[in-house]
Amino acid sequence: MTDGERDDHEFSSGQGFDEDYEEFTLDPPELKVDPTKVDPVDTRVLTDELDRRNIASDEVDVEQLIDVGLSYMQINRFEEATETFERAARFADEESLEAQEAWVNKGAAHAELEEWDEAIGAYREALRANEDSEHAASAETNLAYALWSAGEIEAALRHAERAVEIDPRFPQAWYNRGFFLAERGLNEEAVNAFDNAIRLGMRTADVLEEKAAALEELGEDEQAEEVQQQANELRQEREQEMLQQGQEQRKQGQQQQRPQDRQRRR
């Protein structure tokens, strides 16, 4: 990984929508606004409607609100996502898993906007909610990335180490730890960290390229070249898969259009 290349941030997948979901909207039923009372295009209305003085906490489904934020993430509306995740966190019990999940996702949305100070603050809120839960390792490793992006390399490494301590089977944490170690010139330890990430299932071109770079710094040129070749092969395989998927999608689109074409000719 080099500066500016890695922009992936881990965030939870959410619960998705129920099968009986009927209309296309990013707002859950609890948040619908009466258009006779407010301007429906006023983006501030949702904030006002969600204020604790107006809506009781037990009337808000926090999990569904998190799903709304994830839906915003999927269509790259990251500003709306940050606002939605913060509302979810505010309505959730302060030290609950739902609050922590919302804060982690809020940090990820800020990171997509490269708002590193806000991302760091959100991840710290997530850890304040619970330092040892199932979301804590994600919060720590994402915090490490945000700190590195903000230029705080030593602090980034500390939090990467903490992520590994919380969940030693979290491959992304090992990957980040290896990267930060390599940044400090600790290439032998970095190689070990990358190996752990690979053993835990994160065998990607990015991980292999970082391992190859660390090996090269150690003077292991032959092994570095071998690992780099593996990275190149994986990248080529991925590009071929994407090409095939694109061809299949175009083929399916053409097949769906043919009956309509015949109808128009009649």
C-alpha atoms as a PDB file:
ATOM      1  CA  MET A   1       0.000   0.000   0.000  1.00  0.00           C
ATOM      2  CA  THR A   2       1.261   3.451  -0.887  1.00  0.00           C
ATOM      3  CA  ASP A   3      -0.003   6.909  -0.028  1.00  0.00           C
ATOM      4  CA  GLY A   4      -3.409   7.576  -1.520  1.00  0.00           C
ATOM      5  CA  GLU A   5      -4.022   4.040  -2.781  1.00  0.00           C
ATOM      6  CA  ARG A   6      -5.998   2.461  -0.001  1.00  0.00           C
ATOM      7  CA  ASP A   7      -9.426   3.941   0.552  1.00  0.00           C
ATOM      8  CA  ASP A   8     -11.342   0.912   1.774  1.00  0.00           C
ATOM      9  CA  HIS A   9     -12.831   1.158   5.229  1.00  0.00           C
ATOM     10  CA  GLU A  10     -14.511  -1.677   6.976  1.00  0.00           C
ATOM     11  CA  PHE A  11     -18.048  -1.097   8.185  1.00  0.00           C
ATOM     12  CA  SER A  12     -20.768  -3.448   9.204  1.00  0.00           C
ATOM     13  CA  SER A  13     -23.072  -4.899   6.583  1.00  0.00           C
ATOM     14  CA  GLY A  14     -26.252  -4.129   8.507  1.00  0.00           C
ATOM     15  CA  GLN A  15     -29.492  -6.083   8.480  1.00  0.00           C
ATOM     16  CA  GLY A  16     -30.753  -5.028   5.048  1.00  0.00           C
ATOM     17  CA  PHE A  17     -34.437  -4.570   4.206  1.00  0.00           C
ATOM     18  CA  ASP A  18     -37.259  -6.989   4.931  1.00  0.00           C
ATOM     19  CA  GLU A  19     -38.871  -8.921   2.078  1.00  0.00           C
ATOM     20  CA  ASP A  20     -42.107  -6.926   2.427  1.00  0.00           C
ATOM     21  CA  TYR A  21     -40.329  -3.650   1.855  1.00  0.00           C
ATOM     22  CA  GLU A  22     -42.587  -1.840  -0.631  1.00  0.00           C
ATOM     23  CA  GLU A  23     -41.482   1.670  -1.452  1.00  0.00           C
ATOM     24  CA  PHE A  24     -38.086   3.086  -2.394  1.00  0.00           C
ATOM     25  CA  THR A  25     -37.063   5.428   0.360  1.00  0.00           C
ATOM     26  CA  LEU A  26     -34.047   5.815   2.570  1.00  0.00           C
ATOM     27  CA  ASP A  27     -36.144   6.950   5.522  1.00  0.00           C
ATOM     28  CA  PRO A  28     -37.793   4.368   7.820  1.00  0.00           C
ATOM     29  CA  PRO A  29     -41.552   4.746   8.469  1.00  0.00           C
ATOM     30  CA  GLU A  30     -40.948   6.335  11.874  1.00  0.00           C
ATOM     31  CA  LEU A  31     -39.238   9.288  10.200  1.00  0.00           C
ATOM     32  CA  LYS A  32     -41.878  10.251   7.633  1.00  0.00           C
ATOM     33  CA  VAL A  33     -42.746  13.938   7.706  1.00  0.00           C
ATOM     34  CA  ASP A  34     -46.173  15.516   7.238  1.00  0.00           C
ATOM     35  CA  PRO A  35     -45.797  17.655   4.062  1.00  0.00           C
ATOM     36  CA  THR A  36     -48.617  19.940   5.241  1.00  0.00           C
ATOM     37  CA  LYS A  37     -46.500  21.051   8.171  1.00  0.00           C
ATOM     38  CA  VAL A  38     -43.039  21.375   6.647  1.00  0.00           C
ATOM     39  CA  ASP A  39     -41.351  21.997   3.333  1.00  0.00           C
ATOM     40  CA  PRO A  40     -40.575  18.462   2.018  1.00  0.00           C
ATOM     41  CA  VAL A  41     -37.376  19.678   0.351  1.00  0.00           C
ATOM     42  CA  ASP A  42     -36.019  21.180   3.556  1.00  0.00           C
ATOM     43  CA  THR A  43     -33.086  18.915   4.463  1.00  0.00           C
ATOM     44  CA  ARG A  44     -33.149  20.187   8.035  1.00  0.00           C
ATOM     45  CA  VAL A  45     -36.581  18.758   8.715  1.00  0.00           C
ATOM     46  CA  LEU A  46     -35.329  15.239   9.444  1.00  0.00           C
ATOM     47  CA  THR A  47     -32.872  16.584  12.008  1.00  0.00           C
ATOM     48  CA  ASP A  48     -35.637  18.527  13.740  1.00  0.00           C
ATOM     49  CA  GLU A  49     -37.983  15.561  13.685  1.00  0.00           C
ATOM     50  CA  LEU A  50     -35.356  13.317  15.233  1.00  0.00           C
ATOM     51  CA  ASP A  51     -34.554  15.623  18.113  1.00  0.00           C
ATOM     52  CA  ARG A  52     -35.019  13.836  21.440  1.00  0.00           C
ATOM     53  CA  ARG A  53     -37.433  16.564  22.528  1.00  0.00           C
ATOM     54  CA  ASN A  54     -39.779  15.602  19.684  1.00  0.00           C
ATOM     55  CA  ILE A  55     -39.440  11.804  19.460  1.00  0.00           C
ATOM     56  CA  ALA A  56     -39.160   9.393  22.345  1.00  0.00           C
ATOM     57  CA  SER A  57     -36.229   6.999  22.197  1.00  0.00           C
ATOM     58  CA  ASP A  58     -38.459   3.947  22.278  1.00  0.00           C
ATOM     59  CA  GLU A  59     -40.197   5.171  19.108  1.00  0.00           C
ATOM     60  CA  VAL A  60     -36.979   4.977  17.040  1.00  0.00           C
ATOM     61  CA  ASP A  61     -35.698   1.677  15.663  1.00  0.00           C
ATOM     62  CA  VAL A  62     -31.933   2.189  15.967  1.00  0.00           C
ATOM     63  CA  GLU A  63     -31.046  -0.851  13.875  1.00  0.00           C
ATOM     64  CA  GLN A  64     -33.280   0.334  11.055  1.00  0.00           C
ATOM     65  CA  LEU A  65     -31.772   3.801  11.288  1.00  0.00           C
ATOM     66  CA  ILE A  66     -28.310   2.239  10.935  1.00  0.00           C
ATOM     67  CA  ASP A  67     -29.599   0.456   7.834  1.00  0.00           C
ATOM     68  CA  VAL A  68     -30.639   3.838   6.455  1.00  0.00           C
ATOM     69  CA  GLY A  69     -27.092   5.090   6.947  1.00  0.00           C
ATOM     70  CA  LEU A  70     -25.680   2.019   5.230  1.00  0.00           C
ATOM     71  CA  SER A  71     -28.027   2.610   2.318  1.00  0.00           C
ATOM     72  CA  TYR A  72     -26.630   6.118   1.997  1.00  0.00           C
ATOM     73  CA  MET A  73     -23.115   4.634   2.018  1.00  0.00           C
ATOM     74  CA  GLN A  74     -23.997   2.281  -0.823  1.00  0.00           C
ATOM     75  CA  ILE A  75     -25.013   5.177  -3.081  1.00  0.00           C
ATOM     76  CA  ASN A  76     -22.057   7.348  -2.015  1.00  0.00           C
ATOM     77  CA  ARG A  77     -24.116   9.906  -0.107  1.00  0.00           C
ATOM     78  CA  PHE A  78     -21.621  10.071   2.709  1.00  0.00           C
ATOM     79  CA  GLU A  79     -22.691  13.376   4.262  1.00  0.00           C
ATOM     80  CA  GLU A  80     -26.217  12.079   4.789  1.00  0.00           C
ATOM     81  CA  ALA A  81     -24.711   8.853   6.133  1.00  0.00           C
ATOM     82  CA  THR A  82     -22.688  10.685   8.797  1.00  0.00           C
ATOM     83  CA  GLU A  83     -25.801  12.510   9.985  1.00  0.00           C
ATOM     84  CA  THR A  84     -27.890   9.353  10.055  1.00  0.00           C
ATOM     85  CA  PHE A  85     -25.303   7.316  11.950  1.00  0.00           C
ATOM     86  CA  GLU A  86     -24.916  10.066  14.527  1.00  0.00           C
ATOM     87  CA  ARG A  87     -28.678  10.129  15.098  1.00  0.00           C
ATOM     88  CA  ALA A  88     -28.629   6.359  15.533  1.00  0.00           C
ATOM     89  CA  ALA A  89     -25.828   6.654  18.071  1.00  0.00           C
ATOM     90  CA  ARG A  90     -27.649   9.373  20.003  1.00  0.00           C
ATOM     91  CA  PHE A  91     -30.854   7.363  20.240  1.00  0.00           C
ATOM     92  CA  ALA A  92     -29.099   4.104  21.170  1.00  0.00           C
ATOM     93  CA  ASP A  93     -28.163   3.280  24.743  1.00  0.00           C
ATOM     94  CA  GLU A  94     -24.830   4.976  25.353  1.00  0.00           C
ATOM     95  CA  GLU A  95     -22.772   1.821  25.935  1.00  0.00           C
ATOM     96  CA  SER A  96     -24.714  -0.526  23.672  1.00  0.00           C
ATOM     97  CA  LEU A  97     -23.436  -2.434  20.659  1.00  0.00           C
ATOM     98  CA  GLU A  98     -25.849  -0.440  18.494  1.00  0.00           C
ATOM     99  CA  ALA A  99     -24.270   2.834  19.618  1.00  0.00           C
ATOM    100  CA  GLN A 100     -20.797   1.496  18.954  1.00  0.00           C
ATOM    101  CA  GLU A 101     -21.776   0.189  15.518  1.00  0.00           C
ATOM    102  CA  ALA A 102     -23.280   3.558  14.622  1.00  0.00           C
ATOM    103  CA  TRP A 103     -20.132   5.437  15.711  1.00  0.00           C
ATOM    104  CA  VAL A 104     -17.858   3.064  13.756  1.00  0.00           C
ATOM    105  CA  ASN A 105     -19.960   3.539  10.635  1.00  0.00           C
ATOM    106  CA  LYS A 106     -20.038   7.304  11.145  1.00  0.00           C
ATOM    107  CA  GLY A 107     -16.251   7.285  11.240  1.00  0.00           C
ATOM    108  CA  ALA A 108     -16.125   5.250   8.031  1.00  0.00           C
ATOM    109  CA  ALA A 109     -18.418   7.736   6.284  1.00  0.00           C
ATOM    110  CA  HIS A 110     -16.234  10.662   7.393  1.00  0.00           C
ATOM    111  CA  ALA A 111     -13.177   8.764   6.170  1.00  0.00           C
ATOM    112  CA  GLU A 112     -14.760   8.415   2.724  1.00  0.00           C
ATOM    113  CA  LEU A 113     -14.977  12.223   2.720  1.00  0.00           C
ATOM    114  CA  GLU A 114     -11.367  12.432   3.999  1.00  0.00           C
ATOM    115  CA  GLU A 115     -12.633  14.259   7.075  1.00  0.00           C
ATOM    116  CA  TRP A 116     -10.007  12.704   9.298  1.00  0.00           C
ATOM    117  CA  ASP A 117     -10.597  14.729  12.470  1.00  0.00           C
ATOM    118  CA  GLU A 118     -14.283  13.851  12.424  1.00  0.00           C
ATOM    119  CA  ALA A 119     -13.487  10.202  11.662  1.00  0.00           C
ATOM    120  CA  ILE A 120     -11.030  10.045  14.562  1.00  0.00           C
ATOM    121  CA  GLY A 121     -13.618  11.545  16.888  1.00  0.00           C
ATOM    122  CA  ALA A 122     -16.279   9.034  15.822  1.00  0.00           C
ATOM    123  CA  TYR A 123     -13.962   6.047  16.324  1.00  0.00           C
ATOM    124  CA  ARG A 124     -13.000   7.325  19.772  1.00  0.00           C
ATOM    125  CA  GLU A 125     -16.685   7.579  20.662  1.00  0.00           C
ATOM    126  CA  ALA A 126     -17.113   3.965  19.525  1.00  0.00           C
ATOM    127  CA  LEU A 127     -14.304   2.844  21.812  1.00  0.00           C
ATOM    128  CA  ARG A 128     -15.652   4.901  24.685  1.00  0.00           C
ATOM    129  CA  ALA A 129     -18.899   2.962  24.366  1.00  0.00           C
ATOM    130  CA  ASN A 130     -17.115  -0.383  24.695  1.00  0.00           C
ATOM    131  CA  GLU A 131     -13.425  -1.214  24.374  1.00  0.00           C
ATOM    132  CA  ASP A 132     -13.771  -4.998  24.161  1.00  0.00           C
ATOM    133  CA  SER A 133     -16.854  -5.743  22.076  1.00  0.00           C
ATOM    134  CA  GLU A 134     -17.173  -7.333  18.648  1.00  0.00           C
ATOM    135  CA  HIS A 135     -16.955  -3.888  17.016  1.00  0.00           C
ATOM    136  CA  ALA A 136     -13.960  -2.680  19.031  1.00  0.00           C
ATOM    137  CA  ALA A 137     -11.334  -4.241  16.766  1.00  0.00           C
ATOM    138  CA  SER A 138     -12.887  -2.547  13.731  1.00  0.00           C
ATOM    139  CA  ALA A 139     -12.959   0.755  15.600  1.00  0.00           C
ATOM    140  CA  GLU A 140      -9.295   0.407  16.573  1.00  0.00           C
ATOM    141  CA  THR A 141      -8.034  -0.550  13.107  1.00  0.00           C
ATOM    142  CA  ASN A 142     -10.129   2.161  11.426  1.00  0.00           C
ATOM    143  CA  LEU A 143      -8.905   4.668  13.994  1.00  0.00           C
ATOM    144  CA  ALA A 144      -5.349   3.622  13.186  1.00  0.00           C
ATOM    145  CA  TYR A 145      -5.941   4.293   9.490  1.00  0.00           C
ATOM    146  CA  ALA A 146      -7.509   7.696  10.197  1.00  0.00           C
ATOM    147  CA  LEU A 147      -4.627   8.682  12.476  1.00  0.00           C
ATOM    148  CA  TRP A 148      -2.103   7.649   9.818  1.00  0.00           C
ATOM    149  CA  SER A 149      -3.993   9.668   7.215  1.00  0.00           C
ATOM    150  CA  ALA A 150      -3.845  12.644   9.579  1.00  0.00           C
ATOM    151  CA  GLY A 151      -0.061  12.227   9.903  1.00  0.00           C
ATOM    152  CA  GLU A 152      -0.005  10.659  13.379  1.00  0.00           C
ATOM    153  CA  ILE A 153       2.085   7.572  12.539  1.00  0.00           C
ATOM    154  CA  GLU A 154       3.105   6.531  16.069  1.00  0.00           C
ATOM    155  CA  ALA A 155      -0.448   6.796  17.377  1.00  0.00           C
ATOM    156  CA  ALA A 156      -1.647   4.819  14.361  1.00  0.00           C
ATOM    157  CA  LEU A 157       0.702   1.953  15.191  1.00  0.00           C
ATOM    158  CA  ARG A 158      -0.451   1.886  18.821  1.00  0.00           C
ATOM    159  CA  HIS A 159      -4.063   1.481  17.789  1.00  0.00           C
ATOM    160  CA  ALA A 160      -3.179  -1.101  15.156  1.00  0.00           C
ATOM    161  CA  GLU A 161      -1.468  -3.081  17.917  1.00  0.00           C
ATOM    162  CA  ARG A 162      -4.534  -2.707  20.100  1.00  0.00           C
ATOM    163  CA  ALA A 163      -6.787  -4.026  17.303  1.00  0.00           C
ATOM    164  CA  VAL A 164      -4.682  -7.192  17.085  1.00  0.00           C
ATOM    165  CA  GLU A 165      -4.839  -7.626  20.861  1.00  0.00           C
ATOM    166  CA  ILE A 166      -8.643  -7.388  20.844  1.00  0.00           C
ATOM    167  CA  ASP A 167      -9.123  -9.784  17.937  1.00  0.00           C
ATOM    168  CA  PRO A 168      -6.006 -11.707  16.879  1.00  0.00           C
ATOM    169  CA  ARG A 169      -8.016 -13.364  14.090  1.00  0.00           C
ATOM    170  CA  PHE A 170      -8.933 -10.076  12.395  1.00  0.00           C
ATOM    171  CA  PRO A 171      -6.897 -10.035   9.133  1.00  0.00           C
ATOM    172  CA  GLN A 172      -7.432  -6.333   8.409  1.00  0.00           C
ATOM    173  CA  ALA A 173      -5.874  -5.502  11.769  1.00  0.00           C
ATOM    174  CA  TRP A 174      -2.754  -7.530  10.917  1.00  0.00           C
ATOM    175  CA  TYR A 175      -2.570  -5.894   7.499  1.00  0.00           C
ATOM    176  CA  ASN A 176      -2.699  -2.402   9.006  1.00  0.00           C
ATOM    177  CA  ARG A 177      -0.177  -3.364  11.671  1.00  0.00           C
ATOM    178  CA  GLY A 178       2.213  -4.636   8.998  1.00  0.00           C
ATOM    179  CA  PHE A 179       1.859  -1.458   6.986  1.00  0.00           C
ATOM    180  CA  PHE A 180       2.558   0.825   9.937  1.00  0.00           C
ATOM    181  CA  LEU A 181       5.539  -1.300  10.995  1.00  0.00           C
ATOM    182  CA  ALA A 182       6.949  -1.039   7.478  1.00  0.00           C
ATOM    183  CA  GLU A 183       6.440   2.730   7.601  1.00  0.00           C
ATOM    184  CA  ARG A 184       8.752   2.809  10.619  1.00  0.00           C
ATOM    185  CA  GLY A 185      11.327   0.583   8.940  1.00  0.00           C
ATOM    186  CA  LEU A 186      10.493  -2.502  11.012  1.00  0.00           C
ATOM    187  CA  ASN A 187      10.260  -4.666   7.914  1.00  0.00           C
ATOM    188  CA  GLU A 188      10.889  -8.073   9.488  1.00  0.00           C
ATOM    189  CA  GLU A 189       7.992  -7.602  11.896  1.00  0.00           C
ATOM    190  CA  ALA A 190       5.941  -6.206   9.025  1.00  0.00           C
ATOM    191  CA  VAL A 191       6.466  -9.383   6.978  1.00  0.00           C
ATOM    192  CA  ASN A 192       5.273 -11.477   9.914  1.00  0.00           C
ATOM    193  CA  ALA A 193       2.158  -9.300  10.224  1.00  0.00           C
ATOM    194  CA  PHE A 194       1.399  -9.619   6.510  1.00  0.00           C
ATOM    195  CA  ASP A 195       1.844 -13.402   6.761  1.00  0.00           C
ATOM    196  CA  ASN A 196      -0.711 -13.479   9.580  1.00  0.00           C
ATOM    197  CA  ALA A 197      -3.185 -11.488   7.473  1.00  0.00           C
ATOM    198  CA  ILE A 198      -2.692 -13.917   4.583  1.00  0.00           C
ATOM    199  CA  ARG A 199      -3.098 -16.984   6.816  1.00  0.00           C
ATOM    200  CA  LEU A 200      -6.353 -15.532   8.130  1.00  0.00           C
ATOM    201  CA  GLY A 201      -7.790 -15.299   4.621  1.00  0.00           C
ATOM    202  CA  MET A 202      -6.697 -11.862   3.401  1.00  0.00           C
ATOM    203  CA  ARG A 203      -4.689 -13.098   0.425  1.00  0.00           C
ATOM    204  CA  THR A 204      -5.088 -10.092  -1.838  1.00  0.00           C
ATOM    205  CA  ALA A 205      -2.818  -8.353  -4.315  1.00  0.00           C
ATOM    206  CA  ASP A 206      -2.462  -5.386  -1.948  1.00  0.00           C
ATOM    207  CA  VAL A 207      -1.242  -7.514   0.955  1.00  0.00           C
ATOM    208  CA  LEU A 208       1.197  -9.410  -1.248  1.00  0.00           C
ATOM    209  CA  GLU A 209       2.576  -6.196  -2.735  1.00  0.00           C
ATOM    210  CA  GLU A 210       3.184  -4.748   0.724  1.00  0.00           C
ATOM    211  CA  LYS A 211       4.913  -7.974   1.780  1.00  0.00           C
ATOM    212  CA  ALA A 212       7.065  -7.897  -1.368  1.00  0.00           C
ATOM    213  CA  ALA A 213       8.099  -4.307  -0.637  1.00  0.00           C
ATOM    214  CA  ALA A 214       9.069  -5.206   2.942  1.00  0.00           C
ATOM    215  CA  LEU A 215      11.065  -8.223   1.737  1.00  0.00           C
ATOM    216  CA  GLU A 216      12.881  -6.034  -0.758  1.00  0.00           C
ATOM    217  CA  GLU A 217      13.816  -3.632   2.031  1.00  0.00           C
ATOM    218  CA  LEU A 218      15.258  -6.613   3.914  1.00  0.00           C
ATOM    219  CA  GLY A 219      17.401  -7.548   0.923  1.00  0.00           C
ATOM    220  CA  GLU A 220      15.358 -10.675   0.175  1.00  0.00           C
ATOM    221  CA  ASP A 221      15.174  -9.830  -3.517  1.00  0.00           C
ATOM    222  CA  GLU A 222      14.458 -13.319  -4.824  1.00  0.00           C
ATOM    223  CA  GLN A 223      11.603 -13.929  -2.402  1.00  0.00           C
ATOM    224  CA  ALA A 224      10.301 -10.397  -2.971  1.00  0.00           C
ATOM    225  CA  GLU A 225      10.156 -11.018  -6.711  1.00  0.00           C
ATOM    226  CA  GLU A 226       8.278 -14.271  -6.184  1.00  0.00           C
ATOM    227  CA  VAL A 227       5.694 -12.624  -3.936  1.00  0.00           C
ATOM    228  CA  GLN A 228       5.284  -9.706  -6.341  1.00  0.00           C
ATOM    229  CA  GLN A 229       4.620 -12.194  -9.147  1.00  0.00           C
ATOM    230  CA  GLN A 230       1.871 -13.763  -7.023  1.00  0.00           C
ATOM    231  CA  ALA A 231       0.374 -10.309  -6.509  1.00  0.00           C
ATOM    232  CA  ASN A 232       0.429  -9.638 -10.248  1.00  0.00           C
ATOM    233  CA  GLU A 233      -1.280 -12.947 -10.977  1.00  0.00           C
ATOM    234  CA  LEU A 234      -4.012 -12.253  -8.425  1.00  0.00           C
ATOM    235  CA  ARG A 235      -4.606  -8.806  -9.848  1.00  0.00           C
ATOM    236  CA  GLN A 236      -4.867 -10.211 -13.375  1.00  0.00           C
ATOM    237  CA  GLU A 237      -7.307 -12.888 -12.189  1.00  0.00           C
ATOM    238  CA  ARG A 238      -9.453 -10.231 -10.539  1.00  0.00           C
ATOM    239  CA  GLU A 239      -9.447  -8.077 -13.664  1.00  0.00           C
ATOM    240  CA  GLN A 240     -10.478 -11.098 -15.748  1.00  0.00           C
ATOM    241  CA  GLU A 241     -13.321 -11.883 -13.340  1.00  0.00           C
ATOM    242  CA  MET A 242     -14.571  -8.301 -13.544  1.00  0.00           C
ATOM    243  CA  LEU A 243     -14.410  -8.419 -17.340  1.00  0.00           C
ATOM    244  CA  GLN A 244     -16.418 -11.654 -17.441  1.00  0.00           C
ATOM    245  CA  GLN A 245     -19.006 -10.246 -15.029  1.00  0.00           C
ATOM    246  CA  GLY A 246     -19.392  -7.183 -17.224  1.00  0.00           C
ATOM    247  CA  GLN A 247     -19.873  -9.332 -20.316  1.00  0.00           C
ATOM    248  CA  GLU A 248     -22.494 -11.482 -18.564  1.00  0.00           C
ATOM    249  CA  GLN A 249     -24.386  -8.394 -17.380  1.00  0.00           C
ATOM    250  CA  ARG A 250     -24.424  -6.944 -20.893  1.00  0.00           C
ATOM    251  CA  LYS A 251     -25.602 -10.283 -22.288  1.00  0.00           C
ATOM    252  CA  GLN A 252     -28.417 -10.475 -19.754  1.00  0.00           C
ATOM    253  CA  GLY A 253     -29.430  -6.909 -20.579  1.00  0.00           C
ATOM    254  CA  GLN A 254     -29.636  -7.715 -24.282  1.00  0.00           C
ATOM    255  CA  GLN A 255     -31.741 -10.820 -23.617  1.00  0.00           C
ATOM    256  CA  GLN A 256     -34.167  -8.799 -21.500  1.00  0.00           C
ATOM    257  CA  GLN A 257     -34.535  -6.163 -24.229  1.00  0.00           C
ATOM    258  CA  ARG A 258     -35.344  -8.568 -27.102  1.00  0.00           C
ATOM    259  CA  PRO A 259     -39.021  -9.254 -26.208  1.00  0.00           C
ATOM    260  CA  GLN A 260     -39.607  -5.496 -25.913  1.00  0.00           C
ATOM    261  CA  ASP A 261     -38.031  -4.952 -29.342  1.00  0.00           C
ATOM    262  CA  ARG A 262     -40.385  -7.529 -30.895  1.00  0.00           C
ATOM    263  CA  GLN A 263     -43.378  -5.884 -29.277  1.00  0.00           C
ATOM    264  CA  ARG A 264     -42.442  -2.526 -30.710  1.00  0.00           C
ATOM    265  CA  ARG A 265     -42.219  -3.957 -34.222  1.00  0.00           C
ATOM    266  CA  ARG A 266     -45.763  -5.313 -34.117  1.00  0.00           C
END
